[in-house]
Amino acid sequence: MGTALVRHGLSDVIPSLTDIAIPRAHRRPATPSTIHWHFFDADTFEIGRETIALDDHLRIGLYSPERSIIDAFQMRGIEGHEQAYEALRRWLKGRGAQPGKLLAMAQQFPRAATPLQRALDALL
C-alpha cells in the first residue's frame, strides 16, 4: 500500500519494506527479500490493478492511485489515519481527480467507503 502511494506521488513516506498484495487464498512465495505481505479478498483483488513493465520480460501489478487510497483507508487502523488523509489530499490537488470515480470504486470495499466519504465531505 505505502509503496504504491509513493509511486503515485501520494506520499513522501518511504516504506521500510516493500508492500506486496496477494489474494487471501494464495500462499506467500518464498523470497530472500523482506516484504510486507498484504492478503486481499480474491473477489476485489483485481479492482484498480494495473500492470506495468519492468523490462522486456518482467511485468508486475500495481494498484491505481484510487485503489491505493482506498487501501490506505481500509488499513488506517494499522498504518494510521494520517497516511490515508494525506494521500487523499494530494490526489484531490492533482490533475484529473474524479471523486465520483473514487467513491464508486470504494463501494466495493465497505470498510473504506464511509470513512472515505466523510473525508471527501470535509475536504471538498
N, C-alpha and C. Protein backbone atom coordinates (compact mmCIF):
# COMPACT_ATOMS: atom_id res chain seq x y z
N MET A 1 0.82 -1.18 0.00
CA MET A 1 0.00 0.00 0.00
C MET A 1 0.87 1.25 0.00
N GLY A 2 1.79 1.35 0.95
CA GLY A 2 2.66 2.52 1.01
C GLY A 2 3.54 2.65 -0.21
N THR A 3 3.97 1.51 -0.75
CA THR A 3 4.80 1.52 -1.93
C THR A 3 4.05 2.14 -3.11
N ALA A 4 2.80 1.76 -3.31
CA ALA A 4 2.01 2.31 -4.42
C ALA A 4 1.71 3.80 -4.18
N LEU A 5 1.46 4.20 -2.94
CA LEU A 5 1.21 5.62 -2.66
C LEU A 5 2.42 6.46 -3.04
N VAL A 6 3.61 5.99 -2.72
CA VAL A 6 4.84 6.71 -3.07
C VAL A 6 4.99 6.74 -4.59
N ARG A 7 4.79 5.63 -5.23
CA ARG A 7 4.92 5.54 -6.70
C ARG A 7 4.00 6.54 -7.40
N HIS A 8 2.81 6.76 -6.85
CA HIS A 8 1.83 7.68 -7.44
C HIS A 8 1.99 9.11 -6.94
N GLY A 9 2.99 9.38 -6.10
CA GLY A 9 3.21 10.73 -5.60
C GLY A 9 2.20 11.15 -4.54
N LEU A 10 1.59 10.19 -3.87
CA LEU A 10 0.57 10.47 -2.86
C LEU A 10 1.12 10.41 -1.44
N SER A 11 2.38 10.10 -1.30
CA SER A 11 3.03 10.04 0.00
C SER A 11 4.52 10.26 -0.18
N ASP A 12 5.14 10.87 0.83
CA ASP A 12 6.59 11.03 0.86
C ASP A 12 7.23 10.02 1.81
N VAL A 13 6.40 9.24 2.49
CA VAL A 13 6.90 8.28 3.47
C VAL A 13 7.38 7.04 2.73
N ILE A 14 8.68 6.87 2.67
CA ILE A 14 9.25 5.70 2.01
C ILE A 14 9.14 4.51 2.96
N PRO A 15 8.39 3.48 2.56
CA PRO A 15 8.24 2.33 3.45
C PRO A 15 9.56 1.61 3.67
N SER A 16 9.75 1.10 4.86
CA SER A 16 10.97 0.35 5.16
C SER A 16 10.95 -1.02 4.50
N LEU A 17 9.76 -1.51 4.17
CA LEU A 17 9.59 -2.78 3.48
C LEU A 17 8.78 -2.55 2.21
N THR A 18 9.00 -3.38 1.21
CA THR A 18 8.19 -3.31 0.00
C THR A 18 6.85 -3.95 0.28
N ASP A 19 5.76 -3.26 -0.09
CA ASP A 19 4.41 -3.79 0.09
C ASP A 19 4.01 -4.60 -1.13
N ILE A 20 3.58 -5.83 -0.91
CA ILE A 20 3.10 -6.66 -2.00
C ILE A 20 1.78 -7.29 -1.57
N ALA A 21 0.79 -7.21 -2.47
CA ALA A 21 -0.53 -7.77 -2.21
C ALA A 21 -0.68 -9.09 -2.96
N ILE A 22 -1.33 -10.04 -2.30
CA ILE A 22 -1.67 -11.30 -2.93
C ILE A 22 -3.08 -11.68 -2.46
N PRO A 23 -3.80 -12.45 -3.28
CA PRO A 23 -5.13 -12.89 -2.86
C PRO A 23 -5.05 -13.76 -1.61
N ARG A 24 -6.05 -13.68 -0.76
CA ARG A 24 -6.06 -14.41 0.51
C ARG A 24 -5.87 -15.91 0.35
N ALA A 25 -6.38 -16.50 -0.70
CA ALA A 25 -6.31 -17.95 -0.87
C ALA A 25 -4.92 -18.44 -1.25
N HIS A 26 -4.01 -17.53 -1.58
CA HIS A 26 -2.68 -17.91 -2.02
C HIS A 26 -1.68 -17.90 -0.87
N ARG A 27 -0.64 -18.71 -1.04
CA ARG A 27 0.46 -18.70 -0.07
C ARG A 27 1.46 -17.66 -0.50
N ARG A 28 2.09 -17.03 0.47
CA ARG A 28 3.12 -16.06 0.08
C ARG A 28 4.34 -16.82 -0.40
N PRO A 29 4.92 -16.32 -1.48
CA PRO A 29 6.08 -17.01 -2.06
C PRO A 29 7.31 -16.89 -1.16
N ALA A 30 8.16 -17.86 -1.25
CA ALA A 30 9.43 -17.81 -0.53
C ALA A 30 10.31 -16.80 -1.26
N THR A 31 10.87 -15.87 -0.52
CA THR A 31 11.72 -14.85 -1.12
C THR A 31 12.79 -14.44 -0.12
N PRO A 32 13.97 -14.14 -0.61
CA PRO A 32 15.02 -13.70 0.32
C PRO A 32 14.82 -12.24 0.77
N SER A 33 13.96 -11.52 0.09
CA SER A 33 13.73 -10.11 0.43
C SER A 33 12.78 -9.98 1.61
N THR A 34 12.90 -8.88 2.31
CA THR A 34 11.99 -8.58 3.40
C THR A 34 10.81 -7.81 2.80
N ILE A 35 9.64 -8.41 2.87
CA ILE A 35 8.44 -7.87 2.22
C ILE A 35 7.32 -7.79 3.24
N HIS A 36 6.51 -6.74 3.13
CA HIS A 36 5.30 -6.62 3.92
C HIS A 36 4.16 -7.15 3.06
N TRP A 37 3.70 -8.35 3.37
CA TRP A 37 2.65 -9.01 2.59
C TRP A 37 1.29 -8.52 3.04
N HIS A 38 0.43 -8.25 2.08
CA HIS A 38 -0.97 -7.88 2.34
C HIS A 38 -1.84 -8.91 1.64
N PHE A 39 -2.75 -9.50 2.37
CA PHE A 39 -3.64 -10.51 1.81
C PHE A 39 -5.00 -9.86 1.58
N PHE A 40 -5.40 -9.75 0.31
CA PHE A 40 -6.65 -9.10 -0.06
C PHE A 40 -7.65 -10.13 -0.54
N ASP A 41 -8.92 -9.79 -0.37
CA ASP A 41 -10.02 -10.63 -0.82
C ASP A 41 -9.87 -10.92 -2.31
N ALA A 42 -9.97 -12.17 -2.69
CA ALA A 42 -9.80 -12.56 -4.10
C ALA A 42 -10.85 -11.91 -4.99
N ASP A 43 -12.05 -11.65 -4.45
CA ASP A 43 -13.12 -11.04 -5.25
C ASP A 43 -12.82 -9.59 -5.63
N THR A 44 -12.01 -8.91 -4.84
CA THR A 44 -11.70 -7.50 -5.12
C THR A 44 -10.24 -7.27 -5.49
N PHE A 45 -9.47 -8.35 -5.57
CA PHE A 45 -8.03 -8.23 -5.79
C PHE A 45 -7.69 -7.48 -7.08
N GLU A 46 -8.41 -7.71 -8.15
CA GLU A 46 -8.10 -7.10 -9.44
C GLU A 46 -8.66 -5.69 -9.61
N ILE A 47 -9.52 -5.23 -8.72
CA ILE A 47 -10.12 -3.90 -8.86
C ILE A 47 -9.03 -2.84 -8.74
N GLY A 48 -8.89 -2.03 -9.78
CA GLY A 48 -7.91 -0.96 -9.77
C GLY A 48 -6.48 -1.41 -9.96
N ARG A 49 -6.28 -2.65 -10.33
CA ARG A 49 -4.93 -3.20 -10.51
C ARG A 49 -4.49 -3.00 -11.95
N GLU A 50 -3.34 -2.41 -12.11
CA GLU A 50 -2.75 -2.18 -13.42
C GLU A 50 -1.49 -3.02 -13.53
N THR A 51 -1.03 -3.25 -14.73
CA THR A 51 0.21 -3.99 -14.94
C THR A 51 1.22 -3.05 -15.59
N ILE A 52 2.43 -3.04 -15.04
CA ILE A 52 3.48 -2.21 -15.62
C ILE A 52 4.68 -3.11 -15.96
N ALA A 53 5.36 -2.73 -17.03
CA ALA A 53 6.53 -3.49 -17.47
C ALA A 53 7.77 -2.96 -16.76
N LEU A 54 8.54 -3.88 -16.20
CA LEU A 54 9.82 -3.52 -15.60
C LEU A 54 10.94 -3.61 -16.63
N ASP A 55 10.78 -4.55 -17.55
CA ASP A 55 11.70 -4.69 -18.68
C ASP A 55 10.96 -5.46 -19.77
N ASP A 56 11.67 -5.97 -20.73
CA ASP A 56 11.01 -6.66 -21.85
C ASP A 56 10.31 -7.96 -21.44
N HIS A 57 10.68 -8.53 -20.33
CA HIS A 57 10.14 -9.83 -19.94
C HIS A 57 9.41 -9.84 -18.60
N LEU A 58 9.58 -8.82 -17.81
CA LEU A 58 9.03 -8.83 -16.45
C LEU A 58 7.98 -7.75 -16.27
N ARG A 59 6.80 -8.16 -15.82
CA ARG A 59 5.70 -7.24 -15.55
C ARG A 59 5.23 -7.47 -14.11
N ILE A 60 4.80 -6.39 -13.48
CA ILE A 60 4.27 -6.51 -12.12
C ILE A 60 2.92 -5.79 -12.05
N GLY A 61 2.13 -6.15 -11.07
CA GLY A 61 0.87 -5.47 -10.83
C GLY A 61 1.09 -4.29 -9.89
N LEU A 62 0.34 -3.23 -10.14
CA LEU A 62 0.39 -2.04 -9.29
C LEU A 62 -1.02 -1.49 -9.20
N TYR A 63 -1.45 -1.19 -7.99
CA TYR A 63 -2.78 -0.62 -7.83
C TYR A 63 -2.79 0.84 -8.26
N SER A 64 -3.91 1.27 -8.84
CA SER A 64 -4.09 2.64 -9.30
C SER A 64 -4.07 3.59 -8.11
N PRO A 65 -3.93 4.89 -8.36
CA PRO A 65 -3.98 5.85 -7.25
C PRO A 65 -5.27 5.72 -6.44
N GLU A 66 -6.40 5.57 -7.13
CA GLU A 66 -7.68 5.46 -6.43
C GLU A 66 -7.71 4.23 -5.53
N ARG A 67 -7.31 3.09 -6.05
CA ARG A 67 -7.31 1.86 -5.25
C ARG A 67 -6.32 1.98 -4.09
N SER A 68 -5.19 2.63 -4.32
CA SER A 68 -4.21 2.80 -3.25
C SER A 68 -4.77 3.64 -2.11
N ILE A 69 -5.55 4.66 -2.45
CA ILE A 69 -6.20 5.49 -1.42
C ILE A 69 -7.22 4.66 -0.66
N ILE A 70 -8.00 3.88 -1.37
CA ILE A 70 -8.99 3.02 -0.72
C ILE A 70 -8.30 2.05 0.23
N ASP A 71 -7.21 1.46 -0.21
CA ASP A 71 -6.46 0.54 0.66
C ASP A 71 -5.92 1.26 1.89
N ALA A 72 -5.47 2.50 1.71
CA ALA A 72 -4.98 3.28 2.86
C ALA A 72 -6.10 3.50 3.87
N PHE A 73 -7.31 3.76 3.38
CA PHE A 73 -8.44 3.94 4.29
C PHE A 73 -8.84 2.61 4.93
N GLN A 74 -8.72 1.52 4.21
CA GLN A 74 -9.03 0.20 4.78
C GLN A 74 -8.05 -0.16 5.89
N MET A 75 -6.81 0.22 5.73
CA MET A 75 -5.76 -0.16 6.70
C MET A 75 -5.40 0.99 7.63
N ARG A 76 -6.26 1.97 7.75
CA ARG A 76 -5.94 3.15 8.57
C ARG A 76 -5.75 2.79 10.04
N GLY A 77 -6.36 1.73 10.51
CA GLY A 77 -6.17 1.29 11.89
C GLY A 77 -4.78 0.72 12.13
N ILE A 78 -4.16 0.21 11.09
CA ILE A 78 -2.83 -0.38 11.19
C ILE A 78 -1.76 0.63 10.79
N GLU A 79 -1.98 1.28 9.66
CA GLU A 79 -0.98 2.19 9.09
C GLU A 79 -1.13 3.63 9.59
N GLY A 80 -2.28 3.95 10.17
CA GLY A 80 -2.51 5.30 10.67
C GLY A 80 -3.43 6.10 9.75
N HIS A 81 -4.25 6.92 10.38
CA HIS A 81 -5.21 7.76 9.64
C HIS A 81 -4.50 8.80 8.79
N GLU A 82 -3.39 9.32 9.27
CA GLU A 82 -2.72 10.43 8.60
C GLU A 82 -2.31 10.07 7.19
N GLN A 83 -1.80 8.86 6.99
CA GLN A 83 -1.35 8.45 5.67
C GLN A 83 -2.51 8.44 4.68
N ALA A 84 -3.66 7.95 5.09
CA ALA A 84 -4.83 7.91 4.21
C ALA A 84 -5.30 9.32 3.87
N TYR A 85 -5.41 10.19 4.88
CA TYR A 85 -5.89 11.56 4.63
C TYR A 85 -4.91 12.35 3.77
N GLU A 86 -3.62 12.18 4.00
CA GLU A 86 -2.62 12.89 3.20
C GLU A 86 -2.66 12.42 1.74
N ALA A 87 -2.79 11.14 1.53
CA ALA A 87 -2.88 10.61 0.17
C ALA A 87 -4.12 11.16 -0.54
N LEU A 88 -5.24 11.23 0.17
CA LEU A 88 -6.47 11.78 -0.42
C LEU A 88 -6.30 13.25 -0.75
N ARG A 89 -5.71 14.01 0.16
CA ARG A 89 -5.47 15.45 -0.10
C ARG A 89 -4.60 15.65 -1.33
N ARG A 90 -3.54 14.91 -1.43
CA ARG A 90 -2.65 15.04 -2.59
C ARG A 90 -3.35 14.64 -3.88
N TRP A 91 -4.12 13.60 -3.82
CA TRP A 91 -4.84 13.14 -5.00
C TRP A 91 -5.83 14.21 -5.47
N LEU A 92 -6.54 14.82 -4.53
CA LEU A 92 -7.51 15.86 -4.88
C LEU A 92 -6.84 17.08 -5.52
N LYS A 93 -5.61 17.37 -5.14
CA LYS A 93 -4.89 18.51 -5.70
C LYS A 93 -4.36 18.21 -7.10
N GLY A 94 -4.23 16.97 -7.44
CA GLY A 94 -3.67 16.58 -8.73
C GLY A 94 -4.67 16.79 -9.86
N ARG A 95 -4.13 16.84 -11.06
CA ARG A 95 -4.99 16.98 -12.23
C ARG A 95 -5.77 15.69 -12.46
N GLY A 96 -7.00 15.83 -12.84
CA GLY A 96 -7.81 14.69 -13.22
C GLY A 96 -8.45 13.93 -12.08
N ALA A 97 -8.37 14.43 -10.86
CA ALA A 97 -9.01 13.75 -9.73
C ALA A 97 -10.52 13.73 -9.94
N GLN A 98 -11.10 12.57 -9.85
CA GLN A 98 -12.54 12.40 -10.03
C GLN A 98 -13.11 11.74 -8.78
N PRO A 99 -13.56 12.55 -7.81
CA PRO A 99 -14.10 11.98 -6.58
C PRO A 99 -15.22 10.97 -6.80
N GLY A 100 -16.05 11.19 -7.81
CA GLY A 100 -17.13 10.25 -8.10
C GLY A 100 -16.60 8.87 -8.47
N LYS A 101 -15.54 8.86 -9.26
CA LYS A 101 -14.90 7.59 -9.65
C LYS A 101 -14.32 6.89 -8.43
N LEU A 102 -13.68 7.66 -7.57
CA LEU A 102 -13.11 7.11 -6.34
C LEU A 102 -14.19 6.50 -5.45
N LEU A 103 -15.28 7.24 -5.26
CA LEU A 103 -16.36 6.75 -4.41
C LEU A 103 -17.05 5.52 -5.01
N ALA A 104 -17.18 5.49 -6.33
CA ALA A 104 -17.79 4.32 -6.97
C ALA A 104 -16.94 3.08 -6.73
N MET A 105 -15.62 3.23 -6.86
CA MET A 105 -14.73 2.09 -6.59
C MET A 105 -14.79 1.71 -5.12
N ALA A 106 -14.86 2.69 -4.24
CA ALA A 106 -14.86 2.44 -2.79
C ALA A 106 -16.08 1.65 -2.34
N GLN A 107 -17.17 1.70 -3.11
CA GLN A 107 -18.37 0.95 -2.74
C GLN A 107 -18.11 -0.55 -2.70
N GLN A 108 -17.07 -1.01 -3.37
CA GLN A 108 -16.70 -2.43 -3.35
C GLN A 108 -15.96 -2.82 -2.06
N PHE A 109 -15.62 -1.80 -1.26
CA PHE A 109 -14.82 -2.00 -0.04
C PHE A 109 -15.55 -1.35 1.14
N PRO A 110 -16.51 -2.03 1.73
CA PRO A 110 -17.36 -1.44 2.76
C PRO A 110 -16.60 -0.81 3.93
N ARG A 111 -15.47 -1.37 4.32
CA ARG A 111 -14.72 -0.83 5.45
C ARG A 111 -14.11 0.54 5.14
N ALA A 112 -13.91 0.82 3.87
CA ALA A 112 -13.29 2.08 3.47
C ALA A 112 -14.31 3.12 2.98
N ALA A 113 -15.45 2.69 2.48
CA ALA A 113 -16.38 3.60 1.80
C ALA A 113 -16.86 4.74 2.69
N THR A 114 -17.35 4.45 3.88
CA THR A 114 -17.89 5.51 4.75
C THR A 114 -16.81 6.47 5.24
N PRO A 115 -15.68 6.00 5.75
CA PRO A 115 -14.64 6.95 6.17
C PRO A 115 -14.12 7.79 5.00
N LEU A 116 -14.03 7.20 3.83
CA LEU A 116 -13.57 7.93 2.66
C LEU A 116 -14.58 9.00 2.27
N GLN A 117 -15.85 8.67 2.31
CA GLN A 117 -16.91 9.64 2.01
C GLN A 117 -16.85 10.81 3.00
N ARG A 118 -16.67 10.51 4.27
CA ARG A 118 -16.58 11.56 5.29
C ARG A 118 -15.38 12.46 5.06
N ALA A 119 -14.24 11.86 4.71
CA ALA A 119 -13.04 12.64 4.45
C ALA A 119 -13.22 13.53 3.22
N LEU A 120 -13.84 13.00 2.18
CA LEU A 120 -14.11 13.82 0.99
C LEU A 120 -15.05 14.97 1.31
N ASP A 121 -16.09 14.70 2.11
CA ASP A 121 -17.02 15.76 2.50
C ASP A 121 -16.30 16.87 3.24
N ALA A 122 -15.34 16.52 4.07
CA ALA A 122 -14.60 17.51 4.84
C ALA A 122 -13.64 18.31 3.96
N LEU A 123 -13.07 17.64 2.96
CA LEU A 123 -12.05 18.29 2.13
C LEU A 123 -12.63 19.08 0.94
N LEU A 124 -13.83 18.74 0.53
CA LEU A 124 -14.42 19.41 -0.64
C LEU A 124 -15.34 20.55 -0.27
